[in-house]
């Protein structure tokens, strides 16, 4: 009786260990870490995903946590490749500088990379001067009005397709959007809602319009030509969502206003 119970206990423990480790197959490792390390593009331009730690200067955030967990499963070290704008991440997709990236899904970017399903959903919002006559998102797309965005960002790509009357002005990074609006007296700034909320507190004299003009689906991506690796990324993201890993990371890093993306169909 004791011998049977011991065998069952050992079998359960071994099964749990194998479920936790989930070591990636060699072909996946070869595609996602061809240099023997996982080069992860980390974008400091989106505070929802990553930021520089104030104490040690190291990268931290949900995307950093996901990269480290993926590196653990691949059995390779993680090397962060730091950017300050999403557009610069996507511009480097063909340059063999990074192996995985954390970017918003967009059909234009899909020409150079393949995505998982989203792991986090965030909102794009508009910011206007306090005295602006603009009261709703529907009033932004009018002749004579200018909207400043970060070049190559998800909302730049989206608004380039959607705005028919307003003029789009572009600055290099999202951190520069609100300052450009104030300094150049631009009518509207567009960006990630949380970034604009922080900017509004910092500069004063501005206000967010109610609601959102788009939903930004943040996913993991790899350059084209890594089909086995992308399939593994897709399964990895689904597990990270269902296990609570993403939710825990958002909570641990104090991120509000972002939601864990629903399970992929």
Protein backbone atom coordinates (compact mmCIF):
# COMPACT_ATOMS: atom_id res chain seq x y z
CA UNK A 1 0.00 0.00 0.00
CA UNK A 2 2.76 2.40 1.00
CA UNK A 3 4.81 1.42 -2.08
CA UNK A 4 1.82 2.16 -4.37
CA UNK A 5 1.19 5.54 -2.76
CA UNK A 6 4.88 6.44 -3.10
CA UNK A 7 4.91 5.52 -6.80
CA UNK A 8 1.78 7.58 -7.42
CA UNK A 9 3.27 10.55 -5.57
CA UNK A 10 6.49 10.37 -7.60
CA UNK A 11 4.56 10.09 -10.86
CA UNK A 12 2.48 13.14 -9.97
CA UNK A 13 5.57 15.14 -9.07
CA UNK A 14 7.36 14.20 -12.29
CA UNK A 15 4.29 15.11 -14.33
CA UNK A 16 4.07 18.50 -12.59
CA UNK A 17 7.75 19.19 -13.24
CA UNK A 18 7.45 18.41 -16.94
CA UNK A 19 4.36 20.64 -17.20
CA UNK A 20 6.17 23.55 -15.55
CA UNK A 21 9.42 23.28 -17.55
CA UNK A 22 7.88 23.00 -21.03
CA UNK A 23 11.32 23.02 -22.66
CA UNK A 24 11.18 24.30 -26.22
CA UNK A 25 12.12 21.91 -29.05
CA UNK A 26 15.53 22.40 -30.74
CA UNK A 27 14.05 23.74 -34.00
CA UNK A 28 12.21 26.46 -32.07
CA UNK A 29 15.35 27.40 -30.16
CA UNK A 30 17.28 27.60 -33.43
CA UNK A 31 14.71 29.99 -34.92
CA UNK A 32 14.06 32.22 -31.90
CA UNK A 33 17.63 32.31 -30.59
CA UNK A 34 19.89 31.68 -33.60
CA UNK A 35 22.86 33.42 -31.95
CA UNK A 36 22.57 31.40 -28.74
CA UNK A 37 20.77 34.19 -26.92
CA UNK A 38 17.28 35.68 -27.14
CA UNK A 39 17.58 39.24 -28.44
CA UNK A 40 14.37 40.88 -27.23
CA UNK A 41 13.36 44.29 -28.59
CA UNK A 42 12.13 46.34 -25.62
CA UNK A 43 10.30 49.61 -26.30
CA UNK A 44 10.60 52.27 -23.62
CA UNK A 45 8.27 54.47 -25.68
CA UNK A 46 5.23 52.63 -24.29
CA UNK A 47 5.12 52.78 -20.46
CA UNK A 48 2.48 50.04 -20.38
CA UNK A 49 5.03 47.54 -21.68
CA UNK A 50 8.40 48.61 -20.31
CA UNK A 51 10.35 51.33 -18.56
CA UNK A 52 13.78 51.94 -17.16
CA UNK A 53 14.05 51.01 -13.50
CA UNK A 54 14.70 54.17 -11.47
CA UNK A 55 17.04 52.44 -9.05
CA UNK A 56 19.35 50.37 -11.24
CA UNK A 57 18.55 51.65 -14.71
CA UNK A 58 17.55 48.18 -15.92
CA UNK A 59 14.54 47.44 -18.09
CA UNK A 60 11.39 46.30 -16.30
CA UNK A 61 7.76 45.70 -17.23
CA UNK A 62 5.42 43.06 -18.58
CA UNK A 63 7.32 42.69 -21.87
CA UNK A 64 10.59 42.23 -20.00
CA UNK A 65 9.00 39.57 -17.78
CA UNK A 66 7.65 37.73 -20.82
CA UNK A 67 11.04 37.85 -22.54
CA UNK A 68 12.78 36.42 -19.48
CA UNK A 69 10.24 33.61 -19.14
CA UNK A 70 10.58 32.77 -22.82
CA UNK A 71 14.37 32.78 -22.52
CA UNK A 72 14.11 30.39 -19.57
CA UNK A 73 12.05 27.97 -21.64
CA UNK A 74 14.41 28.22 -24.58
CA UNK A 75 17.35 27.65 -22.24
CA UNK A 76 19.22 30.75 -23.43
CA UNK A 77 20.15 34.12 -21.89
CA UNK A 78 18.04 37.17 -22.75
CA UNK A 79 19.67 40.23 -24.27
CA UNK A 80 17.41 43.33 -24.24
CA UNK A 81 17.67 45.48 -27.38
CA UNK A 82 16.39 48.87 -26.26
CA UNK A 83 14.32 51.29 -28.35
CA UNK A 84 12.47 54.49 -27.46
CA UNK A 85 9.79 54.21 -30.15
CA UNK A 86 7.75 51.36 -31.63
CA UNK A 87 8.42 52.62 -35.14
CA UNK A 88 12.13 52.08 -34.64
CA UNK A 89 11.50 48.50 -33.53
CA UNK A 90 9.56 47.74 -36.69
CA UNK A 91 12.06 49.58 -38.89
CA UNK A 92 14.71 47.11 -37.67
CA UNK A 93 12.64 43.98 -38.40
CA UNK A 94 14.74 43.08 -41.47
CA UNK A 95 18.10 43.97 -39.93
CA UNK A 96 18.68 40.83 -37.83
CA UNK A 97 19.08 42.98 -34.72
CA UNK A 98 16.34 41.38 -32.64
CA UNK A 99 14.68 37.93 -32.47
CA UNK A 100 11.40 38.80 -30.75
CA UNK A 101 9.56 42.06 -30.26
CA UNK A 102 6.55 43.39 -28.36
CA UNK A 103 4.50 45.52 -30.76
CA UNK A 104 0.95 46.44 -31.63
CA UNK A 105 -0.66 44.39 -34.38
CA UNK A 106 -1.01 46.33 -37.61
CA UNK A 107 -1.31 45.16 -41.24
CA UNK A 108 1.52 47.43 -42.39
CA UNK A 109 3.93 45.91 -39.89
CA UNK A 110 2.77 42.44 -40.90
CA UNK A 111 4.83 42.71 -44.07
CA UNK A 112 8.05 42.20 -42.11
CA UNK A 113 7.01 40.16 -39.06
CA UNK A 114 4.56 37.55 -37.83
CA UNK A 115 2.51 37.97 -34.66
CA UNK A 116 1.07 35.95 -31.84
CA UNK A 117 -2.43 36.84 -30.71
CA UNK A 118 -2.43 39.88 -28.40
CA UNK A 119 -1.47 39.50 -24.76
CA UNK A 120 -2.49 43.00 -23.61
CA UNK A 121 -5.14 45.43 -24.87
CA UNK A 122 -4.68 49.17 -24.37
CA UNK A 123 -6.46 52.28 -25.65
CA UNK A 124 -5.52 55.12 -27.96
CA UNK A 125 -6.83 58.52 -26.84
CA UNK A 126 -6.78 62.19 -27.81
CA UNK A 127 -5.41 65.10 -25.76
CA UNK A 128 -6.37 68.73 -26.43
CA UNK A 129 -5.62 72.12 -24.82
CA UNK A 130 -7.91 72.95 -21.92
CA UNK A 131 -9.67 75.74 -23.84
CA UNK A 132 -10.16 73.76 -27.03
CA UNK A 133 -13.61 73.77 -28.65
CA UNK A 134 -13.15 70.06 -29.43
CA UNK A 135 -15.35 68.04 -27.08
CA UNK A 136 -15.50 64.57 -28.63
CA UNK A 137 -13.41 62.16 -30.70
CA UNK A 138 -15.78 62.67 -33.63
CA UNK A 139 -14.82 66.35 -33.80
CA UNK A 140 -11.10 65.69 -34.36
CA UNK A 141 -11.18 64.83 -38.07
CA UNK A 142 -11.94 68.28 -39.46
CA UNK A 143 -10.18 70.50 -41.95
CA UNK A 144 -7.76 72.98 -40.43
CA UNK A 145 -7.02 70.77 -37.42
CA UNK A 146 -3.68 69.06 -36.81
CA UNK A 147 -3.01 65.85 -34.88
CA UNK A 148 0.49 65.13 -33.59
CA UNK A 149 1.58 61.50 -33.20
CA UNK A 150 4.74 59.45 -32.72
CA UNK A 151 6.11 58.42 -36.09
CA UNK A 152 5.49 54.75 -36.91
CA UNK A 153 3.41 54.09 -33.80
CA UNK A 154 0.28 51.95 -33.94
CA UNK A 155 -1.91 55.03 -33.68
CA UNK A 156 0.07 56.81 -36.41
CA UNK A 157 -0.58 53.86 -38.76
CA UNK A 158 -4.24 53.71 -37.72
CA UNK A 159 -4.91 57.44 -38.04
CA UNK A 160 -3.09 57.61 -41.37
CA UNK A 161 -5.75 55.24 -42.68
CA UNK A 162 -8.71 56.73 -40.83
CA UNK A 163 -8.36 60.52 -40.79
CA UNK A 164 -9.67 62.10 -43.98
CA UNK A 165 -9.62 65.82 -43.15
CA UNK A 166 -7.28 66.58 -40.24
CA UNK A 167 -3.54 66.88 -40.91
CA UNK A 168 -1.16 64.47 -39.17
CA UNK A 169 2.12 65.82 -37.80
CA UNK A 170 4.80 63.40 -36.61
CA UNK A 171 7.50 63.54 -33.94
CA UNK A 172 10.18 60.88 -33.33
CA UNK A 173 8.83 59.37 -30.07
CA UNK A 174 5.64 59.26 -28.00
CA UNK A 175 7.40 61.06 -25.15
CA UNK A 176 7.60 64.13 -27.41
CA UNK A 177 3.97 64.23 -28.54
CA UNK A 178 2.42 66.35 -25.78
CA UNK A 179 5.35 68.75 -25.56
CA UNK A 180 5.13 69.29 -29.32
CA UNK A 181 1.40 69.97 -29.07
CA UNK A 182 1.94 72.59 -26.38
CA UNK A 183 5.04 74.22 -27.90
CA UNK A 184 3.66 74.39 -31.45
CA UNK A 185 0.04 75.05 -30.44
CA UNK A 186 -1.17 71.97 -32.27
CA UNK A 187 -4.88 71.25 -31.88
CA UNK A 188 -4.72 67.55 -30.88
CA UNK A 189 -2.23 65.00 -29.57
CA UNK A 190 -2.84 61.26 -30.05
CA UNK A 191 -1.25 58.42 -28.13
CA UNK A 192 -1.53 55.67 -25.55
CA UNK A 193 -4.08 56.81 -22.98
CA UNK A 194 -1.86 56.21 -19.96
CA UNK A 195 1.01 58.18 -21.50
CA UNK A 196 -1.28 61.12 -22.23
CA UNK A 197 -2.76 60.98 -18.72
CA UNK A 198 0.74 61.22 -17.25
CA UNK A 199 1.59 64.07 -19.63
CA UNK A 200 -1.56 65.96 -18.65
CA UNK A 201 -0.51 65.88 -14.99
CA UNK A 202 3.01 66.95 -15.91
CA UNK A 203 2.29 69.93 -18.19
CA UNK A 204 -1.16 71.09 -17.06
CA UNK A 205 -3.56 73.13 -19.15
CA UNK A 206 -4.65 70.15 -21.24
CA UNK A 207 -7.42 67.56 -21.06
CA UNK A 208 -8.21 64.11 -22.46
CA UNK A 209 -11.25 63.59 -24.61
CA UNK A 210 -13.65 60.97 -23.29
CA UNK A 211 -13.46 57.45 -24.65
CA UNK A 212 -10.95 56.09 -27.14
CA UNK A 213 -10.33 56.32 -30.87
CA UNK A 214 -8.82 52.83 -31.17
CA UNK A 215 -7.98 49.63 -29.33
CA UNK A 216 -4.29 48.73 -29.47
CA UNK A 217 -3.62 44.97 -29.45
CA UNK A 218 -0.12 44.33 -28.14
CA UNK A 219 1.41 41.06 -29.31
CA UNK A 220 4.71 39.21 -29.47
CA UNK A 221 6.33 39.05 -32.89
CA UNK A 222 9.26 37.54 -34.76
CA UNK A 223 10.77 38.47 -38.13
CA UNK A 224 9.37 36.71 -41.19
CA UNK A 225 10.71 33.25 -41.95
CA UNK A 226 10.55 31.77 -38.44
CA UNK A 227 7.34 29.75 -38.73
CA UNK A 228 8.14 27.19 -36.01
CA UNK A 229 9.21 29.94 -33.65
CA UNK A 230 6.05 31.97 -34.26
CA UNK A 231 3.84 28.94 -33.61
CA UNK A 232 5.66 28.45 -30.32
CA UNK A 233 5.22 32.15 -29.48
CA UNK A 234 1.49 31.85 -30.15
CA UNK A 235 1.13 28.94 -27.72
CA UNK A 236 3.40 30.67 -25.21
CA UNK A 237 1.26 33.83 -25.20
CA UNK A 238 -1.95 31.86 -24.71
CA UNK A 239 -0.45 30.07 -21.73
CA UNK A 240 0.88 33.30 -20.25
CA UNK A 241 -2.62 34.78 -20.39
CA UNK A 242 -4.52 31.74 -19.10
CA UNK A 243 -2.05 31.04 -16.27
CA UNK A 244 -2.34 34.57 -14.86
CA UNK A 245 1.28 35.43 -15.69
CA UNK A 246 0.36 38.55 -17.70
CA UNK A 247 -2.19 39.74 -15.15
CA UNK A 248 0.31 39.27 -12.32
CA UNK A 249 2.99 41.19 -14.26
CA UNK A 250 0.65 44.13 -14.89
CA UNK A 251 -0.29 44.22 -11.22
CA UNK A 252 3.31 43.86 -10.04
CA UNK A 253 4.45 46.77 -12.18
CA UNK A 254 1.54 48.97 -11.11
CA UNK A 255 -0.02 49.20 -14.58
CA UNK A 256 -3.60 50.47 -14.65
CA UNK A 257 -5.93 50.87 -17.59
CA UNK A 258 -4.52 47.93 -19.56
CA UNK A 259 -6.37 44.62 -19.78
CA UNK A 260 -5.23 41.07 -20.44
CA UNK A 261 -6.30 40.19 -23.97
CA UNK A 262 -8.96 37.49 -24.35
CA UNK A 263 -7.97 34.00 -25.39
CA UNK A 264 -7.36 33.54 -29.10
CA UNK A 265 -10.05 31.70 -31.02
